[in-house]
């Protein structure tokens, strides 16, 4: 089968096309023919091995897993003998959170992994797009911030893959949402449901007079120290980027009452319930996929290059 493989850390060119063996499902596994996958900043980070904590976990000198990609959507091709809840022909959304492998024509996933059937009115690309940013946004806002109706939330990077779904999810939970983005993306963020919008080229939200119950830095650009002054007395700062400073601040602020910094390995916290919830919100129109660009599998390095420009709006999707 066709796959995009990398044998070393580095620039996008380290990802090359290669023929590798098609996997066969074990007794409790589902074989999926992939139709769509996603590329985001985390995929670029794993490709580069930066921040360094990635190499500590996934291989010091070279990647432990040659085929990258976590979020995927496709059709069940075959199932193992002990699989109970899936059958050939099912349209499914899944996450390979431990061993990656989404940038290939086929993948085997355990039946009990984050894997759900896609509703009929949702395309493969829409499903994987919502999963790409929505799963992370859901984990941070619902599970970590315990978001409540009427709270004030600021989302930095509101037009990105995580931010655009964070806006929609925060509105679902009844929050007042302020989105921070460039002038070019104001209409997109407003359409997603933001009540207020700050153009970061014109105003620094950390120096404004308004206070927020939650500041969600969905792009890892502003530190807890910078955001503290715009947090309420018990406000929470969330960041998606695992910088050492953020981890230290999280540990320190967890010991005291007051403003807190929170980071989570959101990818490793995903499950069937989260994906099913996102698909239901998408099915009923609460969540809308925001797809910026599509690239065929063989142009995966170009997709990485585009993501690294930091100008993408919503999702970048790989098609098969």
C-alpha atoms as a PDB file:
ATOM      1  CA  UNK A   1       0.000   0.000   0.000  1.00  0.00           C
ATOM      2  CA  UNK A   2       1.025   3.630  -0.429  1.00  0.00           C
ATOM      3  CA  UNK A   3       2.255   5.503   2.623  1.00  0.00           C
ATOM      4  CA  UNK A   4       4.188   8.655   3.463  1.00  0.00           C
ATOM      5  CA  UNK A   5       7.179   7.639   5.562  1.00  0.00           C
ATOM      6  CA  UNK A   6       9.836   9.502   7.538  1.00  0.00           C
ATOM      7  CA  UNK A   7      12.975   7.858   8.912  1.00  0.00           C
ATOM      8  CA  UNK A   8      14.459  10.943  10.587  1.00  0.00           C
ATOM      9  CA  UNK A   9      13.403  14.218  12.194  1.00  0.00           C
ATOM     10  CA  UNK A  10      13.654  17.335  10.062  1.00  0.00           C
ATOM     11  CA  UNK A  11      12.090  19.541   7.408  1.00  0.00           C
ATOM     12  CA  UNK A  12       8.974  18.463   5.430  1.00  0.00           C
ATOM     13  CA  UNK A  13      11.205  16.821   2.809  1.00  0.00           C
ATOM     14  CA  UNK A  14      12.019  14.001   5.263  1.00  0.00           C
ATOM     15  CA  UNK A  15       8.517  12.656   4.482  1.00  0.00           C
ATOM     16  CA  UNK A  16       8.704  10.525   1.328  1.00  0.00           C
ATOM     17  CA  UNK A  17       6.301   8.172  -0.521  1.00  0.00           C
ATOM     18  CA  UNK A  18       6.922   4.488  -0.043  1.00  0.00           C
ATOM     19  CA  UNK A  19       5.218   1.152  -0.614  1.00  0.00           C
ATOM     20  CA  UNK A  20       4.772  -0.731   2.654  1.00  0.00           C
ATOM     21  CA  UNK A  21       2.872  -3.939   3.509  1.00  0.00           C
ATOM     22  CA  UNK A  22      -0.890  -3.680   3.933  1.00  0.00           C
ATOM     23  CA  UNK A  23      -1.798  -4.587   7.528  1.00  0.00           C
ATOM     24  CA  UNK A  24      -4.140  -7.428   8.500  1.00  0.00           C
ATOM     25  CA  UNK A  25      -6.551  -7.019  11.424  1.00  0.00           C
ATOM     26  CA  UNK A  26      -6.041  -8.988  14.608  1.00  0.00           C
ATOM     27  CA  UNK A  27      -8.960 -10.651  16.386  1.00  0.00           C
ATOM     28  CA  UNK A  28     -10.086  -7.412  18.035  1.00  0.00           C
ATOM     29  CA  UNK A  29      -8.986  -4.993  15.327  1.00  0.00           C
ATOM     30  CA  UNK A  30     -10.679  -3.095  12.522  1.00  0.00           C
ATOM     31  CA  UNK A  31      -8.969  -2.609   9.135  1.00  0.00           C
ATOM     32  CA  UNK A  32      -9.827   0.813   7.692  1.00  0.00           C
ATOM     33  CA  UNK A  33      -9.287   2.089   4.167  1.00  0.00           C
ATOM     34  CA  UNK A  34      -8.472   5.730   4.879  1.00  0.00           C
ATOM     35  CA  UNK A  35     -10.272   8.426   2.881  1.00  0.00           C
ATOM     36  CA  UNK A  36      -9.193  11.572   4.756  1.00  0.00           C
ATOM     37  CA  UNK A  37      -6.650  12.619   7.381  1.00  0.00           C
ATOM     38  CA  UNK A  38      -5.615  15.908   8.983  1.00  0.00           C
ATOM     39  CA  UNK A  39      -2.410  17.943   9.304  1.00  0.00           C
ATOM     40  CA  UNK A  40      -1.926  20.420  12.129  1.00  0.00           C
ATOM     41  CA  UNK A  41       0.838  22.035  14.186  1.00  0.00           C
ATOM     42  CA  UNK A  42       1.202  18.943  16.362  1.00  0.00           C
ATOM     43  CA  UNK A  43       1.966  16.829  13.285  1.00  0.00           C
ATOM     44  CA  UNK A  44       4.665  19.318  12.281  1.00  0.00           C
ATOM     45  CA  UNK A  45       6.069  19.205  15.819  1.00  0.00           C
ATOM     46  CA  UNK A  46       6.295  15.402  15.742  1.00  0.00           C
ATOM     47  CA  UNK A  47       7.964  15.563  12.317  1.00  0.00           C
ATOM     48  CA  UNK A  48      10.612  17.970  13.635  1.00  0.00           C
ATOM     49  CA  UNK A  49      10.972  16.423  17.080  1.00  0.00           C
ATOM     50  CA  UNK A  50      10.485  19.864  18.578  1.00  0.00           C
ATOM     51  CA  UNK A  51       9.783  20.641  21.418  1.00  0.00           C
ATOM     52  CA  UNK A  52      12.430  18.219  22.780  1.00  0.00           C
ATOM     53  CA  UNK A  53       9.921  16.379  24.983  1.00  0.00           C
ATOM     54  CA  UNK A  54       8.685  14.714  21.766  1.00  0.00           C
ATOM     55  CA  UNK A  55      12.032  12.991  21.238  1.00  0.00           C
ATOM     56  CA  UNK A  56      12.070  11.807  24.843  1.00  0.00           C
ATOM     57  CA  UNK A  57       8.780  10.006  24.251  1.00  0.00           C
ATOM     58  CA  UNK A  58       8.901   8.997  20.590  1.00  0.00           C
ATOM     59  CA  UNK A  59      12.590   8.361  19.912  1.00  0.00           C
ATOM     60  CA  UNK A  60      15.774  10.301  20.661  1.00  0.00           C
ATOM     61  CA  UNK A  61      17.594   9.889  17.336  1.00  0.00           C
ATOM     62  CA  UNK A  62      14.762   8.959  14.972  1.00  0.00           C
ATOM     63  CA  UNK A  63      10.960   8.612  15.090  1.00  0.00           C
ATOM     64  CA  UNK A  64       9.696   5.422  16.664  1.00  0.00           C
ATOM     65  CA  UNK A  65       6.768   5.434  14.200  1.00  0.00           C
ATOM     66  CA  UNK A  66       7.650   5.977  10.527  1.00  0.00           C
ATOM     67  CA  UNK A  67       4.124   6.838   9.359  1.00  0.00           C
ATOM     68  CA  UNK A  68       2.637   9.928  11.006  1.00  0.00           C
ATOM     69  CA  UNK A  69      -0.890  11.246  11.368  1.00  0.00           C
ATOM     70  CA  UNK A  70      -3.429  10.714  14.135  1.00  0.00           C
ATOM     71  CA  UNK A  71      -6.931  11.733  12.986  1.00  0.00           C
ATOM     72  CA  UNK A  72      -8.472   9.730  10.152  1.00  0.00           C
ATOM     73  CA  UNK A  73     -11.760   8.891   8.489  1.00  0.00           C
ATOM     74  CA  UNK A  74     -12.501   6.047   6.120  1.00  0.00           C
ATOM     75  CA  UNK A  75     -14.398   2.873   5.413  1.00  0.00           C
ATOM     76  CA  UNK A  76     -14.090  -0.418   7.274  1.00  0.00           C
ATOM     77  CA  UNK A  77     -12.488  -2.925   4.913  1.00  0.00           C
ATOM     78  CA  UNK A  78     -12.424  -5.947   7.216  1.00  0.00           C
ATOM     79  CA  UNK A  79     -12.761  -6.839  10.901  1.00  0.00           C
ATOM     80  CA  UNK A  80     -11.171  -9.396  13.192  1.00  0.00           C
ATOM     81  CA  UNK A  81     -13.090 -12.417  14.413  1.00  0.00           C
ATOM     82  CA  UNK A  82     -13.848 -10.991  17.854  1.00  0.00           C
ATOM     83  CA  UNK A  83     -14.975  -7.521  16.724  1.00  0.00           C
ATOM     84  CA  UNK A  84     -18.543  -6.853  17.890  1.00  0.00           C
ATOM     85  CA  UNK A  85     -19.518  -3.286  16.980  1.00  0.00           C
ATOM     86  CA  UNK A  86     -18.145  -2.658  13.481  1.00  0.00           C
ATOM     87  CA  UNK A  87     -18.559  -4.364  10.123  1.00  0.00           C
ATOM     88  CA  UNK A  88     -17.204  -4.009   6.614  1.00  0.00           C
ATOM     89  CA  UNK A  89     -18.657  -0.970   4.878  1.00  0.00           C
ATOM     90  CA  UNK A  90     -19.075   1.174   8.005  1.00  0.00           C
ATOM     91  CA  UNK A  91     -17.967   4.781   7.537  1.00  0.00           C
ATOM     92  CA  UNK A  92     -15.817   5.543  10.574  1.00  0.00           C
ATOM     93  CA  UNK A  93     -13.884   8.322  12.299  1.00  0.00           C
ATOM     94  CA  UNK A  94     -10.899   7.326  14.382  1.00  0.00           C
ATOM     95  CA  UNK A  95      -7.765   8.451  16.179  1.00  0.00           C
ATOM     96  CA  UNK A  96      -4.506   6.521  16.300  1.00  0.00           C
ATOM     97  CA  UNK A  97      -3.225   8.261  19.408  1.00  0.00           C
ATOM     98  CA  UNK A  98      -0.436   5.866  20.388  1.00  0.00           C
ATOM     99  CA  UNK A  99       1.204   4.709  17.151  1.00  0.00           C
ATOM    100  CA  UNK A 100      -0.016   7.229  14.529  1.00  0.00           C
ATOM    101  CA  UNK A 101      -0.208   5.777  10.971  1.00  0.00           C
ATOM    102  CA  UNK A 102      -2.932   7.911   9.345  1.00  0.00           C
ATOM    103  CA  UNK A 103      -0.797   8.897   6.335  1.00  0.00           C
ATOM    104  CA  UNK A 104      -1.216   5.546   4.607  1.00  0.00           C
ATOM    105  CA  UNK A 105      -3.938   3.887   2.540  1.00  0.00           C
ATOM    106  CA  UNK A 106      -4.870   1.432   5.306  1.00  0.00           C
ATOM    107  CA  UNK A 107      -4.616   1.215   9.071  1.00  0.00           C
ATOM    108  CA  UNK A 108      -5.628  -1.286  11.741  1.00  0.00           C
ATOM    109  CA  UNK A 109      -7.119   0.078  14.956  1.00  0.00           C
ATOM    110  CA  UNK A 110      -8.287  -1.820  18.048  1.00  0.00           C
ATOM    111  CA  UNK A 111     -12.057  -1.886  18.307  1.00  0.00           C
ATOM    112  CA  UNK A 112     -11.889  -0.189  21.708  1.00  0.00           C
ATOM    113  CA  UNK A 113      -9.799   2.748  20.457  1.00  0.00           C
ATOM    114  CA  UNK A 114     -11.337   6.192  19.770  1.00  0.00           C
ATOM    115  CA  UNK A 115     -13.390   4.957  16.808  1.00  0.00           C
ATOM    116  CA  UNK A 116     -17.028   5.721  15.925  1.00  0.00           C
ATOM    117  CA  UNK A 117     -19.415   5.454  12.996  1.00  0.00           C
ATOM    118  CA  UNK A 118     -19.851   8.686  11.021  1.00  0.00           C
ATOM    119  CA  UNK A 119     -23.463   9.913  10.594  1.00  0.00           C
ATOM    120  CA  UNK A 120     -24.764   9.753   7.016  1.00  0.00           C
ATOM    121  CA  UNK A 121     -24.963  13.537   6.576  1.00  0.00           C
ATOM    122  CA  UNK A 122     -21.260  14.103   7.372  1.00  0.00           C
ATOM    123  CA  UNK A 123     -18.479  13.600   4.808  1.00  0.00           C
ATOM    124  CA  UNK A 124     -15.147  11.943   5.587  1.00  0.00           C
ATOM    125  CA  UNK A 125     -13.386  15.306   5.280  1.00  0.00           C
ATOM    126  CA  UNK A 126     -15.847  17.084   7.570  1.00  0.00           C
ATOM    127  CA  UNK A 127     -15.594  14.331  10.174  1.00  0.00           C
ATOM    128  CA  UNK A 128     -11.800  14.351  10.319  1.00  0.00           C
ATOM    129  CA  UNK A 129     -11.750  18.166  10.312  1.00  0.00           C
ATOM    130  CA  UNK A 130     -14.061  18.450  13.318  1.00  0.00           C
ATOM    131  CA  UNK A 131     -12.054  15.745  15.099  1.00  0.00           C
ATOM    132  CA  UNK A 132      -8.733  17.481  14.343  1.00  0.00           C
ATOM    133  CA  UNK A 133      -9.480  20.626  16.336  1.00  0.00           C
ATOM    134  CA  UNK A 134     -12.719  19.783  18.081  1.00  0.00           C
ATOM    135  CA  UNK A 135     -11.395  16.957  20.231  1.00  0.00           C
ATOM    136  CA  UNK A 136      -8.655  19.168  21.662  1.00  0.00           C
ATOM    137  CA  UNK A 137     -10.993  22.122  22.211  1.00  0.00           C
ATOM    138  CA  UNK A 138     -13.532  19.885  23.955  1.00  0.00           C
ATOM    139  CA  UNK A 139     -10.935  18.426  26.319  1.00  0.00           C
ATOM    140  CA  UNK A 140      -9.605  21.829  27.348  1.00  0.00           C
ATOM    141  CA  UNK A 141     -12.878  23.727  27.657  1.00  0.00           C
ATOM    142  CA  UNK A 142     -15.268  21.080  28.985  1.00  0.00           C
ATOM    143  CA  UNK A 143     -12.942  18.797  30.950  1.00  0.00           C
ATOM    144  CA  UNK A 144     -10.147  21.094  32.135  1.00  0.00           C
ATOM    145  CA  UNK A 145     -11.824  24.503  32.427  1.00  0.00           C
ATOM    146  CA  UNK A 146     -15.230  23.054  33.433  1.00  0.00           C
ATOM    147  CA  UNK A 147     -16.797  25.788  31.330  1.00  0.00           C
ATOM    148  CA  UNK A 148     -20.140  27.124  32.598  1.00  0.00           C
ATOM    149  CA  UNK A 149     -22.929  29.164  31.091  1.00  0.00           C
ATOM    150  CA  UNK A 150     -22.328  32.893  31.317  1.00  0.00           C
ATOM    151  CA  UNK A 151     -18.558  32.702  31.777  1.00  0.00           C
ATOM    152  CA  UNK A 152     -16.322  34.959  29.712  1.00  0.00           C
ATOM    153  CA  UNK A 153     -13.832  33.141  27.478  1.00  0.00           C
ATOM    154  CA  UNK A 154     -11.047  34.534  25.318  1.00  0.00           C
ATOM    155  CA  UNK A 155      -9.633  32.313  22.569  1.00  0.00           C
ATOM    156  CA  UNK A 156      -6.256  33.323  21.154  1.00  0.00           C
ATOM    157  CA  UNK A 157      -5.784  31.921  17.659  1.00  0.00           C
ATOM    158  CA  UNK A 158      -9.528  31.727  17.095  1.00  0.00           C
ATOM    159  CA  UNK A 159      -9.262  31.040  13.353  1.00  0.00           C
ATOM    160  CA  UNK A 160      -6.988  27.994  13.640  1.00  0.00           C
ATOM    161  CA  UNK A 161      -7.970  24.321  13.698  1.00  0.00           C
ATOM    162  CA  UNK A 162      -8.348  24.244  17.484  1.00  0.00           C
ATOM    163  CA  UNK A 163      -9.505  27.836  17.904  1.00  0.00           C
ATOM    164  CA  UNK A 164     -12.351  27.770  15.380  1.00  0.00           C
ATOM    165  CA  UNK A 165     -13.919  24.752  17.130  1.00  0.00           C
ATOM    166  CA  UNK A 166     -13.171  26.208  20.558  1.00  0.00           C
ATOM    167  CA  UNK A 167     -15.324  29.215  19.610  1.00  0.00           C
ATOM    168  CA  UNK A 168     -18.202  26.941  18.601  1.00  0.00           C
ATOM    169  CA  UNK A 169     -17.899  24.641  21.621  1.00  0.00           C
ATOM    170  CA  UNK A 170     -17.680  27.556  24.052  1.00  0.00           C
ATOM    171  CA  UNK A 171     -20.876  29.000  22.567  1.00  0.00           C
ATOM    172  CA  UNK A 172     -22.556  25.586  22.882  1.00  0.00           C
ATOM    173  CA  UNK A 173     -21.836  25.686  26.621  1.00  0.00           C
ATOM    174  CA  UNK A 174     -23.296  29.191  26.888  1.00  0.00           C
ATOM    175  CA  UNK A 175     -20.125  31.234  27.296  1.00  0.00           C
ATOM    176  CA  UNK A 176     -19.511  34.785  26.117  1.00  0.00           C
ATOM    177  CA  UNK A 177     -16.687  34.400  23.593  1.00  0.00           C
ATOM    178  CA  UNK A 178     -13.985  36.817  22.510  1.00  0.00           C
ATOM    179  CA  UNK A 179     -11.881  35.618  19.584  1.00  0.00           C
ATOM    180  CA  UNK A 180      -8.387  36.901  18.827  1.00  0.00           C
ATOM    181  CA  UNK A 181      -7.324  36.665  15.180  1.00  0.00           C
ATOM    182  CA  UNK A 182      -5.994  38.668  12.229  1.00  0.00           C
ATOM    183  CA  UNK A 183      -8.143  41.189  10.363  1.00  0.00           C
ATOM    184  CA  UNK A 184      -8.375  38.778   7.427  1.00  0.00           C
ATOM    185  CA  UNK A 185     -10.131  36.192   9.589  1.00  0.00           C
ATOM    186  CA  UNK A 186     -12.608  38.397  11.444  1.00  0.00           C
ATOM    187  CA  UNK A 187     -15.588  37.309   9.329  1.00  0.00           C
ATOM    188  CA  UNK A 188     -14.706  33.623   9.749  1.00  0.00           C
ATOM    189  CA  UNK A 189     -14.475  33.892  13.527  1.00  0.00           C
ATOM    190  CA  UNK A 190     -17.662  35.946  13.729  1.00  0.00           C
ATOM    191  CA  UNK A 191     -19.454  33.317  11.630  1.00  0.00           C
ATOM    192  CA  UNK A 192     -18.262  30.656  14.078  1.00  0.00           C
ATOM    193  CA  UNK A 193     -20.144  32.507  16.824  1.00  0.00           C
ATOM    194  CA  UNK A 194     -17.718  34.840  18.599  1.00  0.00           C
ATOM    195  CA  UNK A 195     -19.466  37.678  20.449  1.00  0.00           C
ATOM    196  CA  UNK A 196     -16.428  39.964  20.313  1.00  0.00           C
ATOM    197  CA  UNK A 197     -13.324  39.937  18.126  1.00  0.00           C
ATOM    198  CA  UNK A 198      -9.875  41.415  18.719  1.00  0.00           C
ATOM    199  CA  UNK A 199      -7.537  42.029  15.795  1.00  0.00           C
ATOM    200  CA  UNK A 200      -4.153  41.202  17.312  1.00  0.00           C
ATOM    201  CA  UNK A 201      -2.364  43.561  14.908  1.00  0.00           C
ATOM    202  CA  UNK A 202      -4.342  46.470  16.374  1.00  0.00           C
ATOM    203  CA  UNK A 203      -4.756  45.545  20.032  1.00  0.00           C
ATOM    204  CA  UNK A 204      -2.904  43.455  22.626  1.00  0.00           C
ATOM    205  CA  UNK A 205      -5.581  41.626  24.589  1.00  0.00           C
ATOM    206  CA  UNK A 206      -3.252  41.173  27.574  1.00  0.00           C
ATOM    207  CA  UNK A 207      -3.220  44.968  28.058  1.00  0.00           C
ATOM    208  CA  UNK A 208      -6.965  45.498  27.733  1.00  0.00           C
ATOM    209  CA  UNK A 209      -9.237  46.278  30.654  1.00  0.00           C
ATOM    210  CA  UNK A 210     -11.567  43.265  30.361  1.00  0.00           C
ATOM    211  CA  UNK A 211     -11.184  40.182  32.567  1.00  0.00           C
ATOM    212  CA  UNK A 212     -11.947  36.602  31.517  1.00  0.00           C
ATOM    213  CA  UNK A 213     -12.798  33.429  33.396  1.00  0.00           C
ATOM    214  CA  UNK A 214     -10.865  31.440  30.812  1.00  0.00           C
ATOM    215  CA  UNK A 215      -8.062  32.441  28.447  1.00  0.00           C
ATOM    216  CA  UNK A 216      -7.446  29.625  25.969  1.00  0.00           C
ATOM    217  CA  UNK A 217      -4.226  30.124  24.011  1.00  0.00           C
ATOM    218  CA  UNK A 218      -4.981  27.686  21.198  1.00  0.00           C
ATOM    219  CA  UNK A 219      -1.738  28.523  19.355  1.00  0.00           C
ATOM    220  CA  UNK A 220       0.718  28.683  22.241  1.00  0.00           C
ATOM    221  CA  UNK A 221       1.787  32.278  21.572  1.00  0.00           C
ATOM    222  CA  UNK A 222       1.092  34.032  24.897  1.00  0.00           C
ATOM    223  CA  UNK A 223       2.433  32.958  28.259  1.00  0.00           C
ATOM    224  CA  UNK A 224       0.584  32.559  31.544  1.00  0.00           C
ATOM    225  CA  UNK A 225       2.585  35.494  32.926  1.00  0.00           C
ATOM    226  CA  UNK A 226       1.345  37.754  30.121  1.00  0.00           C
ATOM    227  CA  UNK A 227      -2.267  36.589  30.460  1.00  0.00           C
ATOM    228  CA  UNK A 228      -2.554  36.697  34.266  1.00  0.00           C
ATOM    229  CA  UNK A 229      -3.631  40.332  34.360  1.00  0.00           C
ATOM    230  CA  UNK A 230      -6.727  39.658  32.238  1.00  0.00           C
ATOM    231  CA  UNK A 231      -7.849  36.633  34.271  1.00  0.00           C
ATOM    232  CA  UNK A 232     -10.515  36.881  36.950  1.00  0.00           C
ATOM    233  CA  UNK A 233      -9.521  36.055  40.534  1.00  0.00           C
ATOM    234  CA  UNK A 234      -9.983  32.317  39.915  1.00  0.00           C
ATOM    235  CA  UNK A 235      -9.457  32.443  36.174  1.00  0.00           C
ATOM    236  CA  UNK A 236      -7.847  29.644  34.173  1.00  0.00           C
ATOM    237  CA  UNK A 237      -5.172  29.934  31.485  1.00  0.00           C
ATOM    238  CA  UNK A 238      -5.088  27.048  28.992  1.00  0.00           C
ATOM    239  CA  UNK A 239      -2.358  26.327  26.464  1.00  0.00           C
ATOM    240  CA  UNK A 240      -1.981  23.622  23.813  1.00  0.00           C
ATOM    241  CA  UNK A 241       1.831  23.895  23.611  1.00  0.00           C
ATOM    242  CA  UNK A 242       3.854  21.776  26.093  1.00  0.00           C
ATOM    243  CA  UNK A 243       6.620  24.270  26.848  1.00  0.00           C
ATOM    244  CA  UNK A 244       8.633  23.600  29.990  1.00  0.00           C
ATOM    245  CA  UNK A 245       7.606  26.980  31.396  1.00  0.00           C
ATOM    246  CA  UNK A 246       3.923  26.088  30.988  1.00  0.00           C
ATOM    247  CA  UNK A 247       4.390  22.762  32.777  1.00  0.00           C
ATOM    248  CA  UNK A 248       6.210  24.453  35.673  1.00  0.00           C
ATOM    249  CA  UNK A 249       3.512  27.127  35.957  1.00  0.00           C
ATOM    250  CA  UNK A 250       0.819  24.446  35.921  1.00  0.00           C
ATOM    251  CA  UNK A 251       2.521  22.575  38.769  1.00  0.00           C
ATOM    252  CA  UNK A 252       3.046  25.755  40.812  1.00  0.00           C
ATOM    253  CA  UNK A 253      -0.434  27.223  40.379  1.00  0.00           C
ATOM    254  CA  UNK A 254      -2.068  23.875  41.196  1.00  0.00           C
ATOM    255  CA  UNK A 255      -0.731  24.270  44.739  1.00  0.00           C
ATOM    256  CA  UNK A 256      -2.320  27.648  45.422  1.00  0.00           C
ATOM    257  CA  UNK A 257      -5.769  29.175  45.236  1.00  0.00           C
ATOM    258  CA  UNK A 258      -6.386  31.745  42.545  1.00  0.00           C
ATOM    259  CA  UNK A 259      -5.398  32.039  38.910  1.00  0.00           C
ATOM    260  CA  UNK A 260      -4.217  28.773  37.387  1.00  0.00           C
ATOM    261  CA  UNK A 261      -2.284  27.563  34.342  1.00  0.00           C
ATOM    262  CA  UNK A 262      -3.464  24.308  32.765  1.00  0.00           C
ATOM    263  CA  UNK A 263      -1.936  22.108  30.074  1.00  0.00           C
ATOM    264  CA  UNK A 264      -3.171  18.695  28.946  1.00  0.00           C
ATOM    265  CA  UNK A 265      -2.018  15.972  26.578  1.00  0.00           C
ATOM    266  CA  UNK A 266      -5.411  16.186  24.894  1.00  0.00           C
ATOM    267  CA  UNK A 267      -4.632  13.617  22.199  1.00  0.00           C
ATOM    268  CA  UNK A 268      -3.966  10.884  24.754  1.00  0.00           C
ATOM    269  CA  UNK A 269      -7.218  11.725  26.579  1.00  0.00           C
ATOM    270  CA  UNK A 270      -9.562  10.987  23.677  1.00  0.00           C
ATOM    271  CA  UNK A 271     -12.155   8.209  23.690  1.00  0.00           C
ATOM    272  CA  UNK A 272     -15.220   6.958  21.854  1.00  0.00           C
ATOM    273  CA  UNK A 273     -17.561   9.169  23.847  1.00  0.00           C
ATOM    274  CA  UNK A 274     -15.747  12.347  22.837  1.00  0.00           C
ATOM    275  CA  UNK A 275     -15.786  11.457  19.138  1.00  0.00           C
ATOM    276  CA  UNK A 276     -19.435  10.387  19.274  1.00  0.00           C
ATOM    277  CA  UNK A 277     -20.331  13.678  20.991  1.00  0.00           C
ATOM    278  CA  UNK A 278     -18.506  15.710  18.330  1.00  0.00           C
ATOM    279  CA  UNK A 279     -20.242  13.775  15.555  1.00  0.00           C
ATOM    280  CA  UNK A 280     -23.651  14.396  17.149  1.00  0.00           C
ATOM    281  CA  UNK A 281     -22.956  18.131  17.416  1.00  0.00           C
ATOM    282  CA  UNK A 282     -21.903  18.109  13.762  1.00  0.00           C
ATOM    283  CA  UNK A 283     -24.901  16.036  12.686  1.00  0.00           C
ATOM    284  CA  UNK A 284     -27.343  18.496  14.247  1.00  0.00           C
ATOM    285  CA  UNK A 285     -25.525  21.577  12.932  1.00  0.00           C
ATOM    286  CA  UNK A 286     -24.091  22.864  16.220  1.00  0.00           C
ATOM    287  CA  UNK A 287     -20.541  22.316  14.952  1.00  0.00           C
ATOM    288  CA  UNK A 288     -19.536  23.172  11.392  1.00  0.00           C
ATOM    289  CA  UNK A 289     -16.347  21.955   9.756  1.00  0.00           C
ATOM    290  CA  UNK A 290     -13.972  24.730   8.661  1.00  0.00           C
ATOM    291  CA  UNK A 291     -11.692  23.335   5.937  1.00  0.00           C
ATOM    292  CA  UNK A 292      -9.039  25.636   4.501  1.00  0.00           C
ATOM    293  CA  UNK A 293      -7.101  23.455   2.046  1.00  0.00           C
ATOM    294  CA  UNK A 294      -6.975  19.903   0.771  1.00  0.00           C
ATOM    295  CA  UNK A 295      -3.847  18.062  -0.384  1.00  0.00           C
ATOM    296  CA  UNK A 296      -3.520  14.598  -1.932  1.00  0.00           C
ATOM    297  CA  UNK A 297      -1.501  12.107   0.117  1.00  0.00           C
ATOM    298  CA  UNK A 298       1.619  12.427  -2.039  1.00  0.00           C
ATOM    299  CA  UNK A 299       1.748  16.183  -1.360  1.00  0.00           C
ATOM    300  CA  UNK A 300       1.834  15.738   2.417  1.00  0.00           C
ATOM    301  CA  UNK A 301       5.150  17.679   2.662  1.00  0.00           C
ATOM    302  CA  UNK A 302       3.459  20.664   0.985  1.00  0.00           C
ATOM    303  CA  UNK A 303       0.640  20.458   3.541  1.00  0.00           C
ATOM    304  CA  UNK A 304       3.225  20.598   6.336  1.00  0.00           C
ATOM    305  CA  UNK A 305       4.839  23.649   4.741  1.00  0.00           C
ATOM    306  CA  UNK A 306       1.498  25.429   4.540  1.00  0.00           C
ATOM    307  CA  UNK A 307       0.620  24.650   8.163  1.00  0.00           C
ATOM    308  CA  UNK A 308       3.987  26.075   9.218  1.00  0.00           C
ATOM    309  CA  UNK A 309       3.207  29.428   7.573  1.00  0.00           C
ATOM    310  CA  UNK A 310       0.746  29.880  10.495  1.00  0.00           C
ATOM    311  CA  UNK A 311      -1.748  31.374   8.068  1.00  0.00           C
ATOM    312  CA  UNK A 312      -4.180  28.496   7.784  1.00  0.00           C
ATOM    313  CA  UNK A 313      -7.851  28.962   8.598  1.00  0.00           C
ATOM    314  CA  UNK A 314      -9.408  25.931  10.236  1.00  0.00           C
ATOM    315  CA  UNK A 315      -8.282  22.546   8.922  1.00  0.00           C
ATOM    316  CA  UNK A 316      -5.803  21.261   6.386  1.00  0.00           C
ATOM    317  CA  UNK A 317      -7.024  17.913   5.065  1.00  0.00           C
ATOM    318  CA  UNK A 318      -5.187  15.071   3.311  1.00  0.00           C
ATOM    319  CA  UNK A 319      -7.295  13.259   0.714  1.00  0.00           C
ATOM    320  CA  UNK A 320      -6.875   9.708  -0.619  1.00  0.00           C
END
